PDB file of N, CA and C in Angstrom:
ATOM      1  N   MET A   1    -149.598 122.211  39.598  1.00  0.00           N
ATOM      2  CA  MET A   1    -150.271 120.958  39.923  1.00  0.00           C
ATOM      3  C   MET A   1    -149.416 120.141  40.921  1.00  0.00           C
ATOM      4  N   LEU A   2    -150.028 119.706  41.970  1.00  0.00           N
ATOM      5  CA  LEU A   2    -149.324 119.005  42.972  1.00  0.00           C
ATOM      6  C   LEU A   2    -149.407 117.471  42.656  1.00  0.00           C
ATOM      7  N   ARG A   3    -148.215 116.862  42.809  1.00  0.00           N
ATOM      8  CA  ARG A   3    -148.148 115.427  42.545  1.00  0.00           C
ATOM      9  C   ARG A   3    -148.421 114.698  43.850  1.00  0.00           C
ATOM     10  N   PRO A   4    -149.106 113.577  43.852  1.00  0.00           N
ATOM     11  CA  PRO A   4    -149.230 112.800  45.127  1.00  0.00           C
ATOM     12  C   PRO A   4    -147.964 112.349  45.574  1.00  0.00           C
ATOM     13  N   LYS A   5    -147.835 112.279  46.900  1.00  0.00           N
ATOM     14  CA  LYS A   5    -146.542 111.851  47.533  1.00  0.00           C
ATOM     15  C   LYS A   5    -146.479 110.232  47.392  1.00  0.00           C
ATOM     16  N   LEU A   6    -145.466 109.742  46.858  1.00  0.00           N
ATOM     17  CA  LEU A   6    -145.244 108.322  46.722  1.00  0.00           C
ATOM     18  C   LEU A   6    -144.971 107.663  48.024  1.00  0.00           C
ATOM     19  N   LYS A   7    -145.496 106.468  48.307  1.00  0.00           N
ATOM     20  CA  LYS A   7    -145.308 105.775  49.500  1.00  0.00           C
ATOM     21  C   LYS A   7    -143.873 105.242  49.580  1.00  0.00           C
ATOM     22  N   GLU A   8    -143.157 105.406  50.608  1.00  0.00           N
ATOM     23  CA  GLU A   8    -141.836 104.974  50.746  1.00  0.00           C
ATOM     24  C   GLU A   8    -141.866 103.394  50.861  1.00  0.00           C
ATOM     25  N   ARG A   9    -141.122 102.727  49.992  1.00  0.00           N
ATOM     26  CA  ARG A   9    -141.120 101.350  50.035  1.00  0.00           C
ATOM     27  C   ARG A   9    -139.828 100.707  50.544  1.00  0.00           C
ATOM     28  N   ARG A  10    -138.873 101.484  50.843  1.00  0.00           N
ATOM     29  CA  ARG A  10    -137.657 100.952  51.376  1.00  0.00           C
ATOM     30  C   ARG A  10    -137.757 100.427  52.862  1.00  0.00           C
ATOM     31  N   LYS A  11    -137.135  99.417  53.128  1.00  0.00           N
ATOM     32  CA  LYS A  11    -137.215  98.753  54.441  1.00  0.00           C
ATOM     33  C   LYS A  11    -136.459  99.517  55.385  1.00  0.00           C
ATOM     34  N   THR A  12    -135.352 100.212  55.069  1.00  0.00           N
ATOM     35  CA  THR A  12    -134.471 101.023  55.926  1.00  0.00           C
ATOM     36  C   THR A  12    -134.196 102.307  55.331  1.00  0.00           C
ATOM     37  N   PRO A  13    -134.055 103.415  56.047  1.00  0.00           N
ATOM     38  CA  PRO A  13    -133.775 104.764  55.356  1.00  0.00           C
ATOM     39  C   PRO A  13    -132.431 104.785  54.710  1.00  0.00           C
ATOM     40  N   ARG A  14    -132.396 105.484  53.604  1.00  0.00           N
ATOM     41  CA  ARG A  14    -131.113 105.780  52.830  1.00  0.00           C
ATOM     42  C   ARG A  14    -130.520 107.120  53.223  1.00  0.00           C
ATOM     43  N   HIS A  15    -129.245 107.099  53.096  1.00  0.00           N
ATOM     44  CA  HIS A  15    -128.377 108.243  53.386  1.00  0.00           C
ATOM     45  C   HIS A  15    -127.559 108.649  52.225  1.00  0.00           C
ATOM     46  N   ALA A  16    -127.549 109.937  51.748  1.00  0.00           N
ATOM     47  CA  ALA A  16    -126.706 110.391  50.671  1.00  0.00           C
ATOM     48  C   ALA A  16    -125.223 110.169  51.147  1.00  0.00           C
ATOM     49  N   ILE A  17    -124.509 109.746  50.172  1.00  0.00           N
ATOM     50  CA  ILE A  17    -123.054 109.392  50.455  1.00  0.00           C
ATOM     51  C   ILE A  17    -122.127 109.960  49.393  1.00  0.00           C
ATOM     52  N   ASN A  18    -122.491 109.826  48.036  1.00  0.00           N
ATOM     53  CA  ASN A  18    -121.701 110.376  46.987  1.00  0.00           C
ATOM     54  C   ASN A  18    -120.265 110.043  47.107  1.00  0.00           C
ATOM     55  N   ARG A  19    -119.903 108.768  47.062  1.00  0.00           N
ATOM     56  CA  ARG A  19    -118.508 108.246  47.202  1.00  0.00           C
ATOM     57  C   ARG A  19    -118.214 107.243  46.140  1.00  0.00           C
ATOM     58  N   VAL A  20    -116.938 107.269  45.676  1.00  0.00           N
ATOM     59  CA  VAL A  20    -116.471 106.358  44.773  1.00  0.00           C
ATOM     60  C   VAL A  20    -116.216 105.094  45.421  1.00  0.00           C
ATOM     61  N   ALA A  21    -116.635 103.900  44.699  1.00  0.00           N
ATOM     62  CA  ALA A  21    -116.482 102.594  45.221  1.00  0.00           C
ATOM     63  C   ALA A  21    -115.861 101.727  44.083  1.00  0.00           C
ATOM     64  N   GLN A  22    -115.552 100.552  44.405  1.00  0.00           N
ATOM     65  CA  GLN A  22    -115.172  99.554  43.340  1.00  0.00           C
ATOM     66  C   GLN A  22    -116.098  98.424  43.253  1.00  0.00           C
ATOM     67  N   PHE A  23    -116.382  97.917  42.167  1.00  0.00           N
ATOM     68  CA  PHE A  23    -117.131  96.648  42.059  1.00  0.00           C
ATOM     69  C   PHE A  23    -116.328  95.618  41.371  1.00  0.00           C
ATOM     70  N   HIS A  24    -116.559  94.361  41.709  1.00  0.00           N
ATOM     71  CA  HIS A  24    -115.792  93.263  41.224  1.00  0.00           C
ATOM     72  C   HIS A  24    -116.757  92.308  40.608  1.00  0.00           C
ATOM     73  N   THR A  25    -116.464  92.010  39.353  1.00  0.00           N
ATOM     74  CA  THR A  25    -117.506  91.131  38.623  1.00  0.00           C
ATOM     75  C   THR A  25    -117.188  89.619  38.637  1.00  0.00           C
ATOM     76  N   GLY A  26    -116.097  89.237  39.104  1.00  0.00           N
ATOM     77  CA  GLY A  26    -115.725  87.819  39.157  1.00  0.00           C
ATOM     78  C   GLY A  26    -114.189  87.630  39.364  1.00  0.00           C
ATOM     79  N   PRO A  27    -113.877  86.360  39.671  1.00  0.00           N
ATOM     80  CA  PRO A  27    -112.496  85.953  39.931  1.00  0.00           C
ATOM     81  C   PRO A  27    -111.622  86.316  38.632  1.00  0.00           C
ATOM     82  N   GLY A  28    -110.534  86.954  38.948  1.00  0.00           N
ATOM     83  CA  GLY A  28    -109.524  87.396  37.806  1.00  0.00           C
ATOM     84  C   GLY A  28    -109.907  88.653  37.093  1.00  0.00           C
ATOM     85  N   ALA A  29    -111.097  89.138  37.329  1.00  0.00           N
ATOM     86  CA  ALA A  29    -111.501  90.459  36.695  1.00  0.00           C
ATOM     87  C   ALA A  29    -111.010  91.605  37.499  1.00  0.00           C
ATOM     88  N   LEU A  30    -110.474  92.662  36.794  1.00  0.00           N
ATOM     89  CA  LEU A  30    -110.070  93.765  37.490  1.00  0.00           C
ATOM     90  C   LEU A  30    -111.210  94.524  38.052  1.00  0.00           C
ATOM     91  N   PRO A  31    -111.151  95.184  39.230  1.00  0.00           N
ATOM     92  CA  PRO A  31    -112.118  96.019  39.814  1.00  0.00           C
ATOM     93  C   PRO A  31    -112.401  97.241  38.986  1.00  0.00           C
ATOM     94  N   ARG A  32    -113.604  97.779  38.875  1.00  0.00           N
ATOM     95  CA  ARG A  32    -113.931  98.945  38.136  1.00  0.00           C
ATOM     96  C   ARG A  32    -114.648  99.839  39.211  1.00  0.00           C
ATOM     97  N   SER A  33    -114.676 101.179  38.777  1.00  0.00           N
ATOM     98  CA  SER A  33    -115.238 102.131  39.676  1.00  0.00           C
ATOM     99  C   SER A  33    -116.715 102.583  39.392  1.00  0.00           C
ATOM    100  N   CYS A  34    -117.366 102.900  40.453  1.00  0.00           N
ATOM    101  CA  CYS A  34    -118.774 103.378  40.371  1.00  0.00           C
ATOM    102  C   CYS A  34    -118.958 104.378  41.465  1.00  0.00           C
ATOM    103  N   MET A  35    -120.057 105.072  41.443  1.00  0.00           N
ATOM    104  CA  MET A  35    -120.317 106.068  42.421  1.00  0.00           C
ATOM    105  C   MET A  35    -121.537 105.676  43.184  1.00  0.00           C
ATOM    106  N   ILE A  36    -121.410 105.624  44.451  1.00  0.00           N
ATOM    107  CA  ILE A  36    -122.545 105.373  45.353  1.00  0.00           C
ATOM    108  C   ILE A  36    -123.181 106.717  45.679  1.00  0.00           C
ATOM    109  N   THR A  37    -124.500 106.813  45.285  1.00  0.00           N
ATOM    110  CA  THR A  37    -125.049 108.105  45.575  1.00  0.00           C
ATOM    111  C   THR A  37    -125.961 108.080  46.836  1.00  0.00           C
ATOM    112  N   ASP A  38    -126.428 106.948  47.203  1.00  0.00           N
ATOM    113  CA  ASP A  38    -127.059 106.805  48.598  1.00  0.00           C
ATOM    114  C   ASP A  38    -126.977 105.338  48.938  1.00  0.00           C
ATOM    115  N   ILE A  39    -127.105 105.155  50.317  1.00  0.00           N
ATOM    116  CA  ILE A  39    -126.908 103.834  50.801  1.00  0.00           C
ATOM    117  C   ILE A  39    -127.761 103.572  52.064  1.00  0.00           C
ATOM    118  N   SER A  40    -128.107 102.370  52.300  1.00  0.00           N
ATOM    119  CA  SER A  40    -128.910 101.958  53.513  1.00  0.00           C
ATOM    120  C   SER A  40    -128.197 100.622  53.972  1.00  0.00           C
ATOM    121  N   ASP A  41    -128.850 100.109  55.077  1.00  0.00           N
ATOM    122  CA  ASP A  41    -128.486  98.806  55.517  1.00  0.00           C
ATOM    123  C   ASP A  41    -128.877  97.674  54.575  1.00  0.00           C
ATOM    124  N   SER A  42    -129.781  97.984  53.791  1.00  0.00           N
ATOM    125  CA  SER A  42    -130.271  96.827  52.853  1.00  0.00           C
ATOM    126  C   SER A  42    -129.908  97.070  51.364  1.00  0.00           C
ATOM    127  N   GLY A  43    -129.457  98.205  51.005  1.00  0.00           N
ATOM    128  CA  GLY A  43    -129.152  98.396  49.566  1.00  0.00           C
ATOM    129  C   GLY A  43    -128.467  99.724  49.216  1.00  0.00           C
ATOM    130  N   ALA A  44    -128.363 100.114  48.019  1.00  0.00           N
ATOM    131  CA  ALA A  44    -127.722 101.347  47.603  1.00  0.00           C
ATOM    132  C   ALA A  44    -128.148 101.743  46.193  1.00  0.00           C
ATOM    133  N   ARG A  45    -127.970 103.091  45.904  1.00  0.00           N
ATOM    134  CA  ARG A  45    -128.208 103.490  44.503  1.00  0.00           C
ATOM    135  C   ARG A  45    -126.792 103.821  44.016  1.00  0.00           C
ATOM    136  N   LEU A  46    -126.462 103.255  42.835  1.00  0.00           N
ATOM    137  CA  LEU A  46    -125.125 103.479  42.201  1.00  0.00           C
ATOM    138  C   LEU A  46    -125.237 104.108  40.860  1.00  0.00           C
ATOM    139  N   TYR A  47    -124.161 104.720  40.437  1.00  0.00           N
ATOM    140  CA  TYR A  47    -124.045 105.307  39.136  1.00  0.00           C
ATOM    141  C   TYR A  47    -122.759 104.736  38.462  1.00  0.00           C
ATOM    142  N   CYS A  48    -122.813 104.185  37.188  1.00  0.00           N
ATOM    143  CA  CYS A  48    -121.718 103.756  36.579  1.00  0.00           C
ATOM    144  C   CYS A  48    -121.735 103.897  35.144  1.00  0.00           C
ATOM    145  N   ASP A  49    -120.573 104.209  34.491  1.00  0.00           N
ATOM    146  CA  ASP A  49    -120.521 104.433  33.076  1.00  0.00           C
ATOM    147  C   ASP A  49    -120.430 103.175  32.313  1.00  0.00           C
ATOM    148  N   SER A  50    -119.990 102.121  32.978  1.00  0.00           N
ATOM    149  CA  SER A  50    -119.826 100.825  32.280  1.00  0.00           C
ATOM    150  C   SER A  50    -121.030  99.886  32.610  1.00  0.00           C
ATOM    151  N   THR A  51    -121.245  98.791  31.722  1.00  0.00           N
ATOM    152  CA  THR A  51    -122.242  97.843  32.074  1.00  0.00           C
ATOM    153  C   THR A  51    -121.994  97.059  33.319  1.00  0.00           C
ATOM    154  N   MET A  52    -122.861  96.914  34.153  1.00  0.00           N
ATOM    155  CA  MET A  52    -122.707  96.122  35.386  1.00  0.00           C
ATOM    156  C   MET A  52    -123.544  94.804  35.258  1.00  0.00           C
ATOM    157  N   PRO A  53    -122.957  93.679  35.843  1.00  0.00           N
ATOM    158  CA  PRO A  53    -123.778  92.452  35.796  1.00  0.00           C
ATOM    159  C   PRO A  53    -124.871  92.526  36.828  1.00  0.00           C
ATOM    160  N   ASP A  54    -125.672  91.501  36.792  1.00  0.00           N
ATOM    161  CA  ASP A  54    -126.835  91.409  37.697  1.00  0.00           C
ATOM    162  C   ASP A  54    -126.424  91.185  39.177  1.00  0.00           C
ATOM    163  N   THR A  55    -125.292  90.538  39.381  1.00  0.00           N
ATOM    164  CA  THR A  55    -124.710  90.384  40.643  1.00  0.00           C
ATOM    165  C   THR A  55    -123.130  90.702  40.672  1.00  0.00           C
ATOM    166  N   PHE A  56    -122.713  91.297  41.785  1.00  0.00           N
ATOM    167  CA  PHE A  56    -121.336  91.644  41.867  1.00  0.00           C
ATOM    168  C   PHE A  56    -120.950  91.954  43.329  1.00  0.00           C
ATOM    169  N   LEU A  57    -119.678  92.067  43.557  1.00  0.00           N
ATOM    170  CA  LEU A  57    -119.134  92.385  44.889  1.00  0.00           C
ATOM    171  C   LEU A  57    -118.812  93.910  44.820  1.00  0.00           C
ATOM    172  N   LEU A  58    -119.333  94.662  45.829  1.00  0.00           N
ATOM    173  CA  LEU A  58    -119.103  96.111  45.927  1.00  0.00           C
ATOM    174  C   LEU A  58    -118.164  96.302  47.150  1.00  0.00           C
ATOM    175  N   SER A  59    -117.085  97.097  46.908  1.00  0.00           N
ATOM    176  CA  SER A  59    -116.106  97.440  47.924  1.00  0.00           C
ATOM    177  C   SER A  59    -116.074  98.964  48.124  1.00  0.00           C
ATOM    178  N   LEU A  60    -116.199  99.368  49.442  1.00  0.00           N
ATOM    179  CA  LEU A  60    -116.083 100.775  49.837  1.00  0.00           C
ATOM    180  C   LEU A  60    -115.155 100.960  50.859  1.00  0.00           C
ATOM    181  N   SER A  61    -114.112 101.882  50.813  1.00  0.00           N
ATOM    182  CA  SER A  61    -113.172 102.096  51.779  1.00  0.00           C
ATOM    183  C   SER A  61    -112.867 103.534  51.912  1.00  0.00           C
ATOM    184  N   GLY A  62    -112.210 103.873  53.064  1.00  0.00           N
ATOM    185  CA  GLY A  62    -111.834 105.245  53.357  1.00  0.00           C
ATOM    186  C   GLY A  62    -112.607 105.856  54.438  1.00  0.00           C
ATOM    187  N   ASP A  63    -112.108 106.852  55.100  1.00  0.00           N
ATOM    188  CA  ASP A  63    -112.690 107.562  56.271  1.00  0.00           C
ATOM    189  C   ASP A  63    -113.082 106.535  57.299  1.00  0.00           C
ATOM    190  N   GLY A  64    -112.237 105.501  57.581  1.00  0.00           N
ATOM    191  CA  GLY A  64    -112.556 104.585  58.616  1.00  0.00           C
ATOM    192  C   GLY A  64    -113.555 103.506  58.198  1.00  0.00           C
ATOM    193  N   ILE A  65    -113.926 103.484  56.936  1.00  0.00           N
ATOM    194  CA  ILE A  65    -114.965 102.578  56.372  1.00  0.00           C
ATOM    195  C   ILE A  65    -114.203 101.604  55.554  1.00  0.00           C
ATOM    196  N   ASP A  66    -114.447 100.339  55.687  1.00  0.00           N
ATOM    197  CA  ASP A  66    -113.904  99.250  54.835  1.00  0.00           C
ATOM    198  C   ASP A  66    -114.979  98.127  54.794  1.00  0.00           C
ATOM    199  N   THR A  67    -115.738  98.129  53.741  1.00  0.00           N
ATOM    200  CA  THR A  67    -116.816  97.250  53.692  1.00  0.00           C
ATOM    201  C   THR A  67    -116.886  96.601  52.276  1.00  0.00           C
ATOM    202  N   ARG A  68    -117.317  95.322  52.276  1.00  0.00           N
ATOM    203  CA  ARG A  68    -117.515  94.661  51.041  1.00  0.00           C
ATOM    204  C   ARG A  68    -118.922  94.057  51.074  1.00  0.00           C
ATOM    205  N   ARG A  69    -119.775  94.212  50.101  1.00  0.00           N
ATOM    206  CA  ARG A  69    -121.027  93.590  50.067  1.00  0.00           C
ATOM    207  C   ARG A  69    -121.360  92.958  48.822  1.00  0.00           C
ATOM    208  N   GLU A  70    -121.945  91.838  48.830  1.00  0.00           N
ATOM    209  CA  GLU A  70    -122.466  91.159  47.749  1.00  0.00           C
ATOM    210  C   GLU A  70    -123.787  91.734  47.267  1.00  0.00           C
ATOM    211  N   CYS A  71    -123.875  92.156  45.923  1.00  0.00           N
ATOM    212  CA  CYS A  71    -125.105  92.970  45.498  1.00  0.00           C
ATOM    213  C   CYS A  71    -125.831  92.186  44.428  1.00  0.00           C
ATOM    214  N   ARG A  72    -127.187  92.520  44.430  1.00  0.00           N
ATOM    215  CA  ARG A  72    -128.057  92.012  43.370  1.00  0.00           C
ATOM    216  C   ARG A  72    -128.779  93.260  42.799  1.00  0.00           C
ATOM    217  N   VAL A  73    -128.726  93.498  41.415  1.00  0.00           N
ATOM    218  CA  VAL A  73    -129.427  94.590  40.836  1.00  0.00           C
ATOM    219  C   VAL A  73    -130.925  94.397  40.912  1.00  0.00           C
ATOM    220  N   VAL A  74    -131.644  95.427  41.396  1.00  0.00           N
ATOM    221  CA  VAL A  74    -133.125  95.331  41.418  1.00  0.00           C
ATOM    222  C   VAL A  74    -133.792  96.243  40.393  1.00  0.00           C
ATOM    223  N   TRP A  75    -133.118  97.348  39.993  1.00  0.00           N
ATOM    224  CA  TRP A  75    -133.674  98.162  38.910  1.00  0.00           C
ATOM    225  C   TRP A  75    -132.502  98.919  38.235  1.00  0.00           C
ATOM    226  N   ARG A  76    -132.713  99.284  36.979  1.00  0.00           N
ATOM    227  CA  ARG A  76    -131.751 100.038  36.212  1.00  0.00           C
ATOM    228  C   ARG A  76    -132.534 101.141  35.492  1.00  0.00           C
ATOM    229  N   LEU A  77    -131.852 102.271  35.345  1.00  0.00           N
ATOM    230  CA  LEU A  77    -132.275 103.393  34.605  1.00  0.00           C
ATOM    231  C   LEU A  77    -131.110 104.146  34.014  1.00  0.00           C
ATOM    232  N   GLY A  78    -130.790 103.853  32.775  1.00  0.00           N
ATOM    233  CA  GLY A  78    -129.609 104.416  32.136  1.00  0.00           C
ATOM    234  C   GLY A  78    -128.340 103.954  32.951  1.00  0.00           C
ATOM    235  N   GLY A  79    -127.539 104.874  33.415  1.00  0.00           N
ATOM    236  CA  GLY A  79    -126.358 104.583  34.091  1.00  0.00           C
ATOM    237  C   GLY A  79    -126.555 104.410  35.605  1.00  0.00           C
ATOM    238  N   GLU A  80    -127.815 104.613  36.073  1.00  0.00           N
ATOM    239  CA  GLU A  80    -128.181 104.443  37.495  1.00  0.00           C
ATOM    240  C   GLU A  80    -128.725 103.035  37.714  1.00  0.00           C
ATOM    241  N   LEU A  81    -128.438 102.622  38.921  1.00  0.00           N
ATOM    242  CA  LEU A  81    -129.046 101.292  39.279  1.00  0.00           C
ATOM    243  C   LEU A  81    -129.195 101.213  40.763  1.00  0.00           C
ATOM    244  N   GLY A  82    -130.292 100.474  41.192  1.00  0.00           N
ATOM    245  CA  GLY A  82    -130.532 100.176  42.515  1.00  0.00           C
ATOM    246  C   GLY A  82    -130.149  98.725  42.842  1.00  0.00           C
ATOM    247  N   VAL A  83    -129.446  98.543  43.928  1.00  0.00           N
ATOM    248  CA  VAL A  83    -129.028  97.205  44.228  1.00  0.00           C
ATOM    249  C   VAL A  83    -129.483  96.825  45.749  1.00  0.00           C
ATOM    250  N   GLU A  84    -129.728  95.607  46.015  1.00  0.00           N
ATOM    251  CA  GLU A  84    -129.909  95.177  47.314  1.00  0.00           C
ATOM    252  C   GLU A  84    -128.802  94.343  47.751  1.00  0.00           C
ATOM    253  N   PHE A  85    -128.423  94.420  49.030  1.00  0.00           N
ATOM    254  CA  PHE A  85    -127.330  93.635  49.578  1.00  0.00           C
ATOM    255  C   PHE A  85    -127.843  92.199  49.866  1.00  0.00           C
ATOM    256  N   VAL A  86    -127.211  91.127  49.361  1.00  0.00           N
ATOM    257  CA  VAL A  86    -127.812  89.874  49.523  1.00  0.00           C
ATOM    258  C   VAL A  86    -127.240  89.035  50.682  1.00  0.00           C
ATOM    259  N   ARG A  87    -126.274  89.454  51.276  1.00  0.00           N
ATOM    260  CA  ARG A  87    -125.676  88.849  52.417  1.00  0.00           C
ATOM    261  C   ARG A  87    -125.237  89.972  53.448  1.00  0.00           C
ATOM    262  N   PRO A  88    -125.029  89.496  54.690  1.00  0.00           N
ATOM    263  CA  PRO A  88    -124.486  90.422  55.664  1.00  0.00           C
ATOM    264  C   PRO A  88    -123.107  90.859  55.221  1.00  0.00           C
ATOM    265  N   GLN A  89    -122.606  91.942  55.740  1.00  0.00           N
ATOM    266  CA  GLN A  89    -121.318  92.498  55.391  1.00  0.00           C
ATOM    267  C   GLN A  89    -120.199  91.451  55.479  1.00  0.00           C
ATOM    268  N   LEU A  90    -119.303  91.382  54.480  1.00  0.00           N
ATOM    269  CA  LEU A  90    -118.212  90.459  54.391  1.00  0.00           C
ATOM    270  C   LEU A  90    -116.985  90.919  55.124  1.00  0.00           C
TER     271      LEU A  90
END
């Protein structure tokens, strides 16, 4: 049985990345690790073993990349979550 193809709702295309990143939950809190499985100009899909707040700062560095983005969670499914970037790159 064929499933109907779902309409793409993303504003910008996502790219597979599968890289470890750090998220910061607030002043004085130690950064924790998560995995970015795909990313676009407007958001990302993350996987994390620990509970993440609804908003946080995401840091990704290495291979000539050094970026920090403020994120807002838009969906959750177990340890996976989708985030949108709420501001331009810091």
